Amino acid sequence: MLVTLRLLSGLALAFLTACAGAATCPDGSPAQANLSISRLEQQVQIWDDSYHRLGVSLVTDAQYDQARARLEQWQRCVGATPASDPLHTARGKVAHPVPHTGLSKLPDDQAVKRWLANRRGIWVQPKVDGVAVTLTYRQGQLHHVISRGDGEKGQDWTASALTLNAIPRTLAHPVTLVLHGELYWRLPGHVQATSGSLNARSLVAGLMARHTLAPEHAERIGLFVWDWPDGPATLNERLQHLTRLGFVDSQTYSQPVEHFEQARDWRQHWHTTALPFATDGVVLRQSERPDAKRWQAKPPNWAVAWKYPHAQAISEVRSVTFNIGRTGRITPMLTLAPVTLDDRRIQRISVGSLQRWQTLDIRPGDHVAISLAGMTIPRLDSVVLRAPERPEVNAPTPQNFHSLSCWQPTPGCESQFLARLNRLSSKQGLALPFVGPGTWKKLIQSGQINSLTDWLTLDASRLVKIAGFGERSSERLLTSFQGARQQPFERWVKAIGLPPTGDAALGHSWQGLVARDTDAWRAEPGIGPRRAEQLSAFLQDPNVRAISETLRAAAVPGFD
């Protein structure tokens, strides 16, 4: 069964991502399209059953939402029967006095603004990530607790519910009423933006499905009442009455809003502020709504969900390339089908190291999960699907690249040579104004630079012949290059790549520096045997010696 689940999951993600941002209908012959639809539908049904019946999330909300939207679109393309009800396997035997309506999800800010337009009496609540239930009280006594099921019928959870301190057995007033709420796992001080949902919903669902609950588990389950279907006419009145009945969280976590900005601010606040439960967005509700007798087990128009930005996305790998740094470190890079996370468009991501890429064996056509580290930096999490065909990827040989390789842009050395130039012009090097990676690339591609110091001999007549260099940009660049000649000796030797020397004095002469052997370097404070060998090797390298001769000819201080 597990193998089948993984296979179907892979197929579904393949169909989903292959079409993301491209065709809205499946490719291929009618038979192939129907097969694609059938496989994706089967996968979505497995996800639905696991989530709604077993309380287990096999995929993230992002993956599920995109998959179901894609399935529905494909079915419209071929005129097939619409996607099945996500709740059809969750149906129980006990009928709800008032159906659970569910919620439609608004995809973005513009959709929220459209929904809010011309509506009055709107309130916002955190969308508690728990398990929905119906509670019925008769003359103030708890009578029934029913799981959501398919919205019309659910499972009888009364026996387990009677052990929960969060659910009052007796109300403060002898009233008969029906409540809709969420059973949640208590997470004191929980910040959703940094900690995620921690599988809290699945934990509650699994525990409530048992015949008995251990006291330590029952104590950890809380209740948030989010609706009173046959209660007072306005939400404010309902919240006040719920507080008097003992359900205080409802009023604590409900706020009136008059415009989009207020709703957005509360959404951000609850996403980044400590709460006692996990959340996955907010719910916008109209204060007044139809009589409970008219409710149906489908999303209404008086309440909607506005979920938080997805924490993870799935994308197809378009290509694998390798950046080689100044010291020879090889970093695999993935070019991806564009995806958006937290309003950031991501098309390129680092694997981290050559060893990690080799372990993961990522090839074009694979599908990977990515997230944002610290909410800002794209991070590769895992490979979720391998392409059936494994195209060859020619990775650099690590033995060919080290701190003394690639002093010219010969084939295979372009990346490391460019990294050397970038370091030379950076703040850690000569701090050359108006010079960046794009400048060096243009000069290399035009054939004007074939060594680390060729740029010292450039003049205006050669620059103006290069596409992208106008008269003004050429003048600025030449001024920057000319100013480099006056930079201090110590800055120059660091710019051309001298390994770190700690607090060791470098003097003012290249000849004096070259005269130091390994033993002399080891005698310097903070320099160990390995670093002493690296320094000696650098200063004796033929390519470095050639650079020093060029700098001497250019009358750079310390090299003459």
Protein backbone atom coordinates (compact mmCIF):
# COMPACT_ATOMS: atom_id res chain seq x y z
CA MET A 1 0.00 0.00 0.00
CA LEU A 2 2.81 2.40 0.90
CA VAL A 3 4.52 1.78 -2.45
CA THR A 4 1.23 2.45 -4.24
CA LEU A 5 0.74 5.71 -2.34
CA ARG A 6 4.21 6.92 -3.25
CA LEU A 7 3.81 5.93 -6.89
CA LEU A 8 0.49 7.69 -7.23
CA SER A 9 1.83 10.73 -5.40
CA GLY A 10 4.69 10.95 -7.84
CA LEU A 11 2.40 10.62 -10.84
CA ALA A 12 0.10 13.32 -9.51
CA LEU A 13 2.92 15.75 -8.92
CA ALA A 14 4.28 14.99 -12.37
CA PHE A 15 0.99 15.84 -14.00
CA LEU A 16 0.57 18.93 -11.82
CA THR A 17 3.97 20.47 -12.30
CA ALA A 18 4.38 19.61 -15.97
CA CYS A 19 1.37 21.75 -16.72
CA ALA A 20 1.95 24.53 -14.19
CA GLY A 21 2.18 27.83 -16.00
CA ALA A 22 1.83 26.10 -19.36
CA ALA A 23 -1.16 24.43 -21.06
CA THR A 24 -4.39 24.36 -19.01
CA CYS A 25 -5.42 21.03 -20.55
CA PRO A 26 -3.54 17.71 -20.57
CA ASP A 27 -1.29 17.03 -23.56
CA GLY A 28 -1.35 14.01 -25.81
CA SER A 29 -4.10 11.96 -27.40
CA PRO A 30 -7.60 11.69 -25.84
CA ALA A 31 -6.61 8.32 -24.40
CA GLN A 32 -3.46 9.78 -22.82
CA ALA A 33 -5.41 12.75 -21.46
CA ASN A 34 -8.01 10.46 -19.88
CA LEU A 35 -5.26 8.34 -18.33
CA SER A 36 -3.61 11.43 -16.86
CA ILE A 37 -6.93 12.61 -15.45
CA SER A 38 -7.72 9.19 -14.01
CA ARG A 39 -4.38 8.88 -12.25
CA LEU A 40 -4.53 12.38 -10.82
CA GLU A 41 -8.11 11.85 -9.65
CA GLN A 42 -7.10 8.62 -7.93
CA GLN A 43 -4.30 10.41 -6.10
CA VAL A 44 -6.53 13.28 -4.98
CA GLN A 45 -9.06 10.76 -3.66
CA ILE A 46 -6.36 9.08 -1.59
CA TRP A 47 -5.33 12.46 -0.16
CA ASP A 48 -8.99 13.31 0.58
CA ASP A 49 -9.65 10.02 2.33
CA SER A 50 -6.51 10.24 4.45
CA TYR A 51 -7.17 13.84 5.48
CA HIS A 52 -10.93 13.79 6.13
CA ARG A 53 -11.43 10.23 7.38
CA LEU A 54 -8.12 9.43 9.07
CA GLY A 55 -7.00 12.94 9.97
CA VAL A 56 -3.61 12.46 8.30
CA SER A 57 -2.16 14.99 5.81
CA LEU A 58 -0.10 13.18 3.18
CA VAL A 59 0.79 16.41 1.35
CA THR A 60 0.99 20.10 2.13
CA ASP A 61 -1.98 22.39 1.57
CA ALA A 62 -0.10 23.98 -1.32
CA GLN A 63 0.35 20.68 -3.12
CA TYR A 64 -3.23 19.62 -2.51
CA ASP A 65 -4.83 22.92 -3.55
CA GLN A 66 -2.87 23.03 -6.79
CA ALA A 67 -3.57 19.38 -7.56
CA ARG A 68 -7.33 19.66 -7.07
CA ALA A 69 -7.50 22.88 -9.11
CA ARG A 70 -5.56 21.18 -11.91
CA LEU A 71 -7.82 18.11 -11.79
CA GLU A 72 -10.97 20.20 -12.03
CA GLN A 73 -9.53 22.17 -14.96
CA TRP A 74 -8.54 18.99 -16.82
CA GLN A 75 -11.99 17.49 -16.29
CA ARG A 76 -13.57 20.62 -17.78
CA CYS A 77 -11.21 20.32 -20.76
CA VAL A 78 -12.53 16.90 -21.77
CA GLY A 79 -16.07 17.27 -20.48
CA ALA A 80 -15.51 14.60 -17.84
CA THR A 81 -17.47 14.16 -14.62
CA PRO A 82 -16.35 16.79 -12.08
CA ALA A 83 -13.98 15.84 -9.29
CA SER A 84 -15.63 13.82 -6.52
CA ASP A 85 -16.62 15.36 -3.19
CA PRO A 86 -13.48 15.53 -1.00
CA LEU A 87 -15.57 14.42 1.98
CA HIS A 88 -17.35 11.45 0.45
CA THR A 89 -15.37 8.81 2.37
CA ALA A 90 -15.61 10.70 5.66
CA ARG A 91 -19.39 10.24 6.00
CA GLY A 92 -20.47 8.82 9.34
CA LYS A 93 -23.75 7.51 10.74
CA VAL A 94 -24.86 10.43 12.92
CA ALA A 95 -26.64 13.36 11.24
CA HIS A 96 -25.65 16.91 12.12
CA PRO A 97 -28.54 19.04 13.43
CA VAL A 98 -27.16 21.82 11.20
CA PRO A 99 -24.86 20.92 8.26
CA HIS A 100 -21.21 21.99 8.31
CA THR A 101 -20.84 24.39 5.41
CA GLY A 102 -17.06 24.36 4.89
CA LEU A 103 -15.26 27.34 3.40
CA SER A 104 -14.14 28.53 0.00
CA LYS A 105 -10.51 29.67 -0.14
CA LEU A 106 -9.58 33.09 -1.50
CA PRO A 107 -6.30 32.78 -3.44
CA ASP A 108 -4.86 36.30 -3.16
CA ASP A 109 -5.26 39.90 -2.03
CA GLN A 110 -7.35 40.87 -5.04
CA ALA A 111 -9.85 38.08 -4.38
CA VAL A 112 -10.14 39.21 -0.76
CA LYS A 113 -10.76 42.80 -1.83
CA ARG A 114 -13.48 41.66 -4.24
CA TRP A 115 -15.15 39.59 -1.55
CA LEU A 116 -15.08 42.46 0.94
CA ALA A 117 -16.44 44.99 -1.57
CA ASN A 118 -19.96 46.15 -0.69
CA ARG A 119 -20.14 43.90 2.39
CA ARG A 120 -20.80 45.22 5.87
CA GLY A 121 -20.47 43.77 9.34
CA ILE A 122 -17.36 41.70 8.61
CA TRP A 123 -15.36 39.93 11.32
CA VAL A 124 -12.06 38.10 11.14
CA GLN A 125 -11.00 35.06 13.15
CA PRO A 126 -7.89 32.86 13.09
CA LYS A 127 -8.52 29.69 11.10
CA VAL A 128 -7.68 27.17 13.79
CA ASP A 129 -5.92 24.10 12.37
CA GLY A 130 -7.89 21.40 14.15
CA VAL A 131 -10.80 19.00 13.71
CA ALA A 132 -14.29 20.37 13.15
CA VAL A 133 -17.13 19.12 15.36
CA THR A 134 -20.77 19.77 16.22
CA LEU A 135 -21.71 20.11 19.89
CA THR A 136 -25.33 19.86 20.99
CA TYR A 137 -26.59 20.82 24.46
CA ARG A 138 -30.03 20.04 25.88
CA GLN A 139 -31.14 22.14 28.81
CA GLY A 140 -27.50 23.08 29.39
CA GLN A 141 -26.24 19.47 29.41
CA LEU A 142 -23.80 18.14 26.80
CA HIS A 143 -25.76 15.70 24.68
CA HIS A 144 -23.78 14.92 21.55
CA VAL A 145 -20.40 15.60 19.91
CA ILE A 146 -20.20 14.66 16.23
CA SER A 147 -17.17 14.77 13.92
CA ARG A 148 -17.56 16.81 10.77
CA GLY A 149 -17.65 13.80 8.46
CA ASP A 150 -19.01 14.88 5.10
CA GLY A 151 -20.79 17.88 6.57
CA GLU A 152 -24.15 16.11 6.77
CA LYS A 153 -23.22 13.04 8.81
CA GLY A 154 -20.24 12.30 11.03
CA GLN A 155 -18.94 9.96 13.71
CA ASP A 156 -20.20 9.94 17.29
CA TRP A 157 -17.31 11.28 19.38
CA THR A 158 -19.35 11.90 22.52
CA ALA A 159 -17.60 9.32 24.69
CA SER A 160 -14.16 10.79 24.04
CA ALA A 161 -15.46 14.37 24.26
CA LEU A 162 -16.79 13.79 27.77
CA THR A 163 -13.19 13.36 28.98
CA LEU A 164 -12.07 16.77 27.61
CA ASN A 165 -11.81 19.61 30.11
CA ALA A 166 -12.14 22.06 27.21
CA ILE A 167 -15.75 21.00 26.56
CA PRO A 168 -18.12 21.98 29.38
CA ARG A 169 -20.46 19.16 30.35
CA THR A 170 -22.86 21.67 31.88
CA LEU A 171 -23.39 25.23 30.70
CA ALA A 172 -23.88 28.22 32.96
CA HIS A 173 -27.49 28.49 31.74
CA PRO A 174 -29.93 25.65 30.96
CA VAL A 175 -30.16 26.36 27.24
CA THR A 176 -30.59 24.06 24.24
CA LEU A 177 -28.27 24.91 21.40
CA VAL A 178 -26.06 23.66 18.57
CA LEU A 179 -22.45 24.85 18.21
CA HIS A 180 -19.85 24.38 15.50
CA GLY A 181 -16.24 24.44 16.62
CA GLU A 182 -12.72 23.13 16.28
CA LEU A 183 -10.92 20.71 18.55
CA TYR A 184 -7.25 21.66 18.57
CA TRP A 185 -3.98 20.50 20.15
CA ARG A 186 -2.84 23.00 22.74
CA LEU A 187 0.44 24.65 21.72
CA PRO A 188 1.20 27.42 24.25
CA GLY A 189 3.22 30.26 22.72
CA HIS A 190 2.96 28.81 19.21
CA VAL A 191 4.06 31.12 16.36
CA GLN A 192 2.73 29.77 13.08
CA ALA A 193 5.12 31.70 10.84
CA THR A 194 8.19 30.07 12.38
CA SER A 195 6.94 26.72 13.71
CA GLY A 196 4.29 25.60 11.23
CA SER A 197 1.39 23.33 12.18
CA LEU A 198 3.52 20.56 13.77
CA ASN A 199 1.02 17.92 12.59
CA ALA A 200 -1.35 19.12 15.30
CA ARG A 201 -4.55 18.41 13.38
CA SER A 202 -3.64 14.82 12.61
CA LEU A 203 -2.79 14.22 16.26
CA VAL A 204 -6.20 15.41 17.47
CA ALA A 205 -8.07 13.45 14.80
CA GLY A 206 -6.23 10.26 15.68
CA LEU A 207 -6.85 10.64 19.41
CA MET A 208 -10.55 11.45 19.03
CA ALA A 209 -11.07 8.37 16.87
CA ARG A 210 -10.01 6.16 19.81
CA HIS A 211 -12.51 4.61 22.20
CA THR A 212 -10.67 5.99 25.22
CA LEU A 213 -8.38 8.95 25.84
CA ALA A 214 -5.50 9.03 28.31
CA PRO A 215 -5.87 11.91 30.79
CA GLU A 216 -2.64 13.57 29.63
CA HIS A 217 -3.96 13.59 26.04
CA ALA A 218 -7.43 14.81 26.99
CA GLU A 219 -5.86 17.72 28.84
CA ARG A 220 -3.97 18.84 25.73
CA ILE A 221 -7.07 19.16 23.52
CA GLY A 222 -8.77 22.55 23.40
CA LEU A 223 -11.98 23.87 21.82
CA PHE A 224 -12.59 26.96 19.72
CA VAL A 225 -16.25 27.63 18.94
CA TRP A 226 -16.49 29.48 15.67
CA ASP A 227 -20.22 29.40 14.97
CA TRP A 228 -23.60 29.22 16.65
CA PRO A 229 -25.93 28.46 13.73
CA ASP A 230 -29.22 29.22 15.50
CA GLY A 231 -27.84 31.85 17.86
CA PRO A 232 -28.55 35.61 18.03
CA ALA A 233 -28.81 37.60 14.81
CA THR A 234 -25.43 39.39 14.92
CA LEU A 235 -21.99 37.95 15.51
CA ASN A 236 -21.28 40.44 18.28
CA GLU A 237 -24.35 39.22 20.19
CA ARG A 238 -23.40 35.60 19.61
CA LEU A 239 -19.87 36.21 20.93
CA GLN A 240 -21.14 37.91 24.09
CA HIS A 241 -23.56 35.07 24.83
CA LEU A 242 -20.86 32.45 24.14
CA THR A 243 -18.57 34.16 26.64
CA ARG A 244 -21.30 34.04 29.30
CA LEU A 245 -21.77 30.35 28.54
CA GLY A 246 -18.06 29.68 29.11
CA PHE A 247 -16.69 29.71 25.55
CA VAL A 248 -14.38 32.72 26.00
CA ASP A 249 -11.92 32.05 23.13
CA SER A 250 -14.59 32.91 20.57
CA GLN A 251 -14.70 36.55 21.62
CA THR A 252 -10.96 36.77 22.35
CA TYR A 253 -10.04 35.77 18.82
CA SER A 254 -12.74 37.58 16.83
CA GLN A 255 -12.23 41.11 15.53
CA PRO A 256 -14.47 43.44 13.48
CA VAL A 257 -12.93 44.83 10.30
CA GLU A 258 -14.14 47.59 8.03
CA HIS A 259 -11.67 47.34 5.14
CA PHE A 260 -9.02 45.15 3.53
CA GLU A 261 -6.06 46.68 5.35
CA GLN A 262 -7.51 45.79 8.74
CA ALA A 263 -8.15 42.21 7.68
CA ARG A 264 -4.63 41.98 6.27
CA ASP A 265 -3.11 43.34 9.48
CA TRP A 266 -4.97 40.84 11.67
CA ARG A 267 -3.95 38.01 9.36
CA GLN A 268 -0.31 39.07 9.64
CA HIS A 269 -0.62 39.55 13.39
CA TRP A 270 -2.00 36.08 14.02
CA HIS A 271 0.55 34.56 11.65
CA THR A 272 3.51 36.03 13.55
CA THR A 273 2.21 36.29 17.13
CA ALA A 274 2.18 33.58 19.79
CA LEU A 275 -1.20 31.77 19.97
CA PRO A 276 -2.32 28.70 21.91
CA PHE A 277 -3.02 26.70 18.75
CA ALA A 278 -1.84 26.12 15.19
CA THR A 279 -3.53 28.10 12.44
CA ASP A 280 -3.44 28.00 8.66
CA GLY A 281 -5.00 31.37 7.84
CA VAL A 282 -7.95 33.48 8.83
CA VAL A 283 -11.71 33.29 8.33
CA LEU A 284 -13.73 36.30 7.20
CA ARG A 285 -17.39 36.19 8.30
CA GLN A 286 -20.40 38.37 7.78
CA SER A 287 -22.08 39.19 11.05
CA GLU A 288 -25.54 38.30 9.74
CA ARG A 289 -26.25 35.20 7.65
CA PRO A 290 -29.25 33.08 6.55
CA ASP A 291 -31.34 31.08 8.98
CA ALA A 292 -29.66 27.80 9.99
CA LYS A 293 -32.49 25.81 8.36
CA ARG A 294 -31.18 26.93 4.97
CA TRP A 295 -27.56 25.83 5.53
CA GLN A 296 -26.11 23.14 3.28
CA ALA A 297 -22.94 21.05 3.35
CA LYS A 298 -21.15 23.28 0.87
CA PRO A 299 -19.23 26.57 1.12
CA PRO A 300 -21.54 29.54 1.76
CA ASN A 301 -21.20 33.08 0.47
CA TRP A 302 -21.16 34.68 3.93
CA ALA A 303 -17.82 33.24 5.11
CA VAL A 304 -14.50 32.50 3.39
CA ALA A 305 -10.98 31.36 4.25
CA TRP A 306 -7.89 33.44 3.52
CA LYS A 307 -4.98 31.13 4.10
CA TYR A 308 -1.40 32.05 4.93
CA PRO A 309 1.25 32.03 2.18
CA HIS A 310 2.38 28.53 1.40
CA ALA A 311 5.51 27.54 3.30
CA GLN A 312 6.60 25.07 0.63
CA ALA A 313 6.23 24.63 -3.12
CA ILE A 314 6.96 21.93 -5.65
CA SER A 315 8.79 22.75 -8.87
CA GLU A 316 10.22 20.90 -11.84
CA VAL A 317 13.97 21.01 -12.41
CA ARG A 318 14.68 22.45 -15.86
CA SER A 319 18.49 22.21 -15.76
CA VAL A 320 21.44 21.50 -13.47
CA THR A 321 24.52 23.72 -13.68
CA PHE A 322 27.61 24.14 -11.53
CA ASN A 323 29.16 27.30 -10.13
CA ILE A 324 32.85 27.08 -9.31
CA GLY A 325 34.04 29.60 -6.76
CA ARG A 326 37.35 31.40 -6.49
CA THR A 327 38.86 28.69 -4.29
CA GLY A 328 37.56 25.85 -6.48
CA ARG A 329 34.45 24.99 -4.44
CA ILE A 330 31.77 23.47 -6.69
CA THR A 331 28.16 24.48 -6.02
CA PRO A 332 25.38 22.76 -8.03
CA MET A 333 22.56 25.10 -9.08
CA LEU A 334 19.05 24.14 -10.17
CA THR A 335 17.06 26.13 -12.71
CA LEU A 336 13.39 25.58 -11.89
CA ALA A 337 9.99 26.11 -13.40
CA PRO A 338 9.06 29.45 -11.74
CA VAL A 339 7.19 29.18 -8.44
CA THR A 340 6.06 31.79 -5.93
CA LEU A 341 6.62 31.59 -2.17
CA ASP A 342 5.60 34.44 0.11
CA ASP A 343 5.32 36.75 -2.91
CA ARG A 344 8.84 35.78 -4.07
CA ARG A 345 9.27 34.37 -7.57
CA ILE A 346 11.86 31.59 -7.47
CA GLN A 347 13.56 30.16 -10.57
CA ARG A 348 17.01 29.23 -9.34
CA ILE A 349 18.23 27.52 -6.18
CA SER A 350 21.48 26.15 -4.76
CA VAL A 351 21.83 22.49 -3.84
CA GLY A 352 24.56 23.43 -1.37
CA SER A 353 27.42 21.11 -2.20
CA LEU A 354 28.52 18.69 -4.88
CA GLN A 355 28.30 15.84 -2.39
CA ARG A 356 24.66 16.65 -1.58
CA TRP A 357 23.78 16.80 -5.27
CA GLN A 358 25.42 13.44 -5.83
CA THR A 359 23.53 11.95 -2.87
CA LEU A 360 20.17 13.32 -4.05
CA ASP A 361 21.01 12.54 -7.71
CA ILE A 362 18.91 15.42 -9.05
CA ARG A 363 18.37 15.44 -12.83
CA PRO A 364 16.31 17.60 -15.20
CA GLY A 365 12.69 16.52 -15.03
CA ASP A 366 12.83 15.71 -11.32
CA HIS A 367 10.47 17.52 -8.96
CA VAL A 368 11.80 19.12 -5.80
CA ALA A 369 10.29 20.70 -2.71
CA ILE A 370 11.55 24.17 -1.83
CA SER A 371 10.88 26.55 1.04
CA LEU A 372 12.20 29.83 2.41
CA ALA A 373 14.84 29.64 5.12
CA GLY A 374 14.29 32.46 7.57
CA MET A 375 11.39 33.57 5.33
CA THR A 376 13.83 35.02 2.79
CA ILE A 377 16.38 32.57 1.34
CA PRO A 378 15.17 29.84 -1.06
CA ARG A 379 16.12 26.41 0.30
CA LEU A 380 16.07 22.97 -1.32
CA ASP A 381 14.22 20.57 1.01
CA SER A 382 13.96 17.27 -0.83
CA VAL A 383 13.32 15.41 -4.07
CA VAL A 384 9.65 14.45 -4.23
CA LEU A 385 9.54 12.81 -7.64
CA ARG A 386 12.17 11.41 -9.99
CA ALA A 387 11.74 11.71 -13.72
CA PRO A 388 11.39 8.29 -15.39
CA GLU A 389 14.15 9.22 -17.81
CA ARG A 390 17.50 10.09 -16.22
CA PRO A 391 19.33 12.49 -18.56
CA GLU A 392 23.10 12.62 -18.18
CA VAL A 393 24.50 15.58 -16.25
CA ASN A 394 28.18 16.32 -16.73
CA ALA A 395 29.44 17.43 -13.35
CA PRO A 396 32.89 19.00 -12.91
CA THR A 397 35.65 16.76 -11.58
CA PRO A 398 36.54 18.04 -8.10
CA GLN A 399 40.23 17.16 -8.51
CA ASN A 400 40.49 19.64 -11.38
CA PHE A 401 39.50 22.64 -9.29
CA HIS A 402 41.33 24.12 -6.34
CA SER A 403 42.69 27.45 -5.10
CA LEU A 404 45.35 27.61 -7.84
CA SER A 405 43.29 26.48 -10.84
CA CYS A 406 41.66 28.55 -13.59
CA TRP A 407 43.64 31.76 -14.00
CA GLN A 408 42.35 32.07 -17.59
CA PRO A 409 38.81 31.64 -19.02
CA THR A 410 39.64 28.39 -20.80
CA PRO A 411 36.84 25.84 -21.42
CA GLY A 412 35.58 24.58 -18.07
CA CYS A 413 37.29 27.41 -16.20
CA GLU A 414 34.88 30.21 -17.02
CA SER A 415 33.04 30.09 -13.69
CA GLN A 416 36.11 30.08 -11.42
CA PHE A 417 37.91 32.71 -13.50
CA LEU A 418 34.87 35.00 -13.28
CA ALA A 419 34.74 34.40 -9.52
CA ARG A 420 38.38 35.56 -9.29
CA LEU A 421 37.54 38.79 -11.12
CA ASN A 422 34.46 39.36 -8.97
CA ARG A 423 36.56 39.02 -5.82
CA LEU A 424 39.19 41.40 -7.26
CA SER A 425 36.64 44.19 -7.81
CA SER A 426 34.59 43.54 -4.63
CA LYS A 427 34.77 45.36 -1.30
CA GLN A 428 37.08 42.61 -0.05
CA GLY A 429 39.39 43.33 -3.00
CA LEU A 430 40.01 46.65 -4.75
CA ALA A 431 36.46 47.98 -4.25
CA LEU A 432 36.25 49.17 -7.86
CA PRO A 433 33.25 51.45 -8.46
CA PHE A 434 30.99 50.72 -11.46
CA VAL A 435 32.47 47.22 -11.84
CA GLY A 436 30.43 44.09 -11.22
CA PRO A 437 29.85 40.56 -12.57
CA GLY A 438 28.05 41.91 -15.65
CA THR A 439 31.02 44.12 -16.53
CA TRP A 440 33.48 41.24 -16.34
CA LYS A 441 31.23 38.95 -18.39
CA LYS A 442 31.03 41.48 -21.21
CA LEU A 443 34.80 41.98 -21.23
CA ILE A 444 35.45 38.22 -21.23
CA GLN A 445 32.90 37.48 -23.94
CA SER A 446 34.35 40.23 -26.15
CA GLY A 447 37.81 38.68 -25.84
CA GLN A 448 39.29 41.73 -24.06
CA ILE A 449 40.25 39.80 -20.91
CA ASN A 450 42.19 36.55 -20.84
CA SER A 451 44.04 36.96 -17.54
CA LEU A 452 43.35 38.52 -14.16
CA THR A 453 45.08 41.82 -15.02
CA ASP A 454 44.38 42.37 -18.75
CA TRP A 455 41.91 45.11 -17.88
CA LEU A 456 44.81 47.37 -16.84
CA THR A 457 45.72 47.89 -20.50
CA LEU A 458 42.22 48.66 -21.79
CA ASP A 459 41.60 52.06 -23.41
CA ALA A 460 38.59 53.96 -24.70
CA SER A 461 39.07 52.88 -28.32
CA ARG A 462 38.72 49.20 -27.35
CA LEU A 463 35.83 49.67 -24.95
CA VAL A 464 33.56 51.57 -27.34
CA LYS A 465 33.66 48.61 -29.72
CA ILE A 466 32.02 46.39 -27.12
CA ALA A 467 28.22 46.19 -27.13
CA GLY A 468 26.82 47.67 -23.93
CA PHE A 469 29.61 50.18 -23.32
CA GLY A 470 28.65 53.71 -24.27
CA GLU A 471 30.89 56.75 -24.05
CA ARG A 472 29.84 57.64 -20.53
CA SER A 473 30.03 54.09 -19.13
CA SER A 474 33.44 53.62 -20.80
CA GLU A 475 34.77 56.78 -19.17
CA ARG A 476 33.55 55.72 -15.73
CA LEU A 477 35.03 52.26 -16.15
CA LEU A 478 38.42 53.55 -17.26
CA THR A 479 38.50 56.00 -14.36
CA SER A 480 37.78 53.12 -11.99
CA PHE A 481 40.53 50.99 -13.58
CA GLN A 482 43.04 53.84 -13.43
CA GLY A 483 42.28 54.45 -9.76
CA ALA A 484 43.09 50.81 -9.00
CA ARG A 485 46.74 51.44 -9.82
CA GLN A 486 47.02 53.68 -6.74
CA GLN A 487 45.57 51.14 -4.32
CA PRO A 488 47.92 50.08 -1.46
CA PHE A 489 50.11 47.01 -1.86
CA GLU A 490 48.34 45.04 0.89
CA ARG A 491 44.97 45.52 -0.79
CA TRP A 492 46.36 44.36 -4.13
CA VAL A 493 47.81 41.09 -2.85
CA LYS A 494 44.52 40.24 -1.15
CA ALA A 495 42.59 41.15 -4.30
CA ILE A 496 44.55 38.75 -6.50
CA GLY A 497 43.80 35.90 -4.10
CA LEU A 498 46.40 35.67 -1.34
CA PRO A 499 45.02 33.21 1.28
CA PRO A 500 44.01 34.76 4.63
CA THR A 501 47.02 35.82 6.70
CA GLY A 502 45.34 36.73 9.99
CA ASP A 503 47.29 39.40 11.85
CA ALA A 504 50.54 38.77 9.98
CA ALA A 505 52.14 41.90 8.55
CA LEU A 506 52.49 41.76 4.75
CA GLY A 507 55.06 44.50 4.36
CA HIS A 508 55.23 46.78 1.34
CA SER A 509 57.14 44.70 -1.21
CA TRP A 510 56.23 41.75 -3.38
CA GLN A 511 59.82 40.57 -3.37
CA GLY A 512 59.83 40.59 0.41
CA LEU A 513 56.60 38.62 0.47
CA VAL A 514 57.84 36.01 -2.00
CA ALA A 515 61.02 35.58 0.02
CA ARG A 516 59.08 34.09 2.94
CA ASP A 517 59.16 30.31 2.97
CA THR A 518 56.81 27.92 4.79
CA ASP A 519 58.79 28.12 8.03
CA ALA A 520 58.67 31.91 7.95
CA TRP A 521 54.90 31.86 7.54
CA ARG A 522 54.48 29.36 10.38
CA ALA A 523 56.35 31.73 12.65
CA GLU A 524 53.66 34.38 12.09
CA PRO A 525 50.92 34.62 14.79
CA GLY A 526 47.72 32.70 13.98
CA ILE A 527 49.11 30.78 10.97
CA GLY A 528 49.25 26.99 11.23
CA PRO A 529 51.09 24.44 9.10
CA ARG A 530 48.36 24.02 6.49
CA ARG A 531 47.83 27.75 5.98
CA ALA A 532 51.62 28.28 5.77
CA GLU A 533 51.80 25.71 2.97
CA GLN A 534 48.89 27.38 1.13
CA LEU A 535 50.58 30.78 1.33
CA SER A 536 53.90 29.44 0.07
CA ALA A 537 52.23 27.57 -2.77
CA PHE A 538 50.27 30.66 -3.82
CA LEU A 539 53.31 32.94 -3.89
CA GLN A 540 55.37 30.40 -5.87
CA ASP A 541 52.65 29.56 -8.40
CA PRO A 542 53.71 30.46 -12.02
CA ASN A 543 50.34 32.14 -12.74
CA VAL A 544 50.67 34.33 -9.67
CA ARG A 545 54.26 35.18 -10.61
CA ALA A 546 53.05 36.23 -14.08
CA ILE A 547 50.42 38.48 -12.52
CA SER A 548 53.05 40.10 -10.30
CA GLU A 549 55.16 40.87 -13.40
CA THR A 550 52.18 42.52 -15.07
CA LEU A 551 51.57 44.64 -11.98
CA ARG A 552 55.24 45.59 -11.88
CA ALA A 553 55.07 46.74 -15.50
CA ALA A 554 51.94 48.75 -14.65
CA ALA A 555 53.88 50.51 -11.84
CA VAL A 556 51.52 49.30 -9.14
CA PRO A 557 53.06 50.23 -5.75
CA GLY A 558 54.97 47.39 -4.10
CA PHE A 559 55.42 45.35 -7.28
CA ASP A 560 58.14 47.51 -8.87
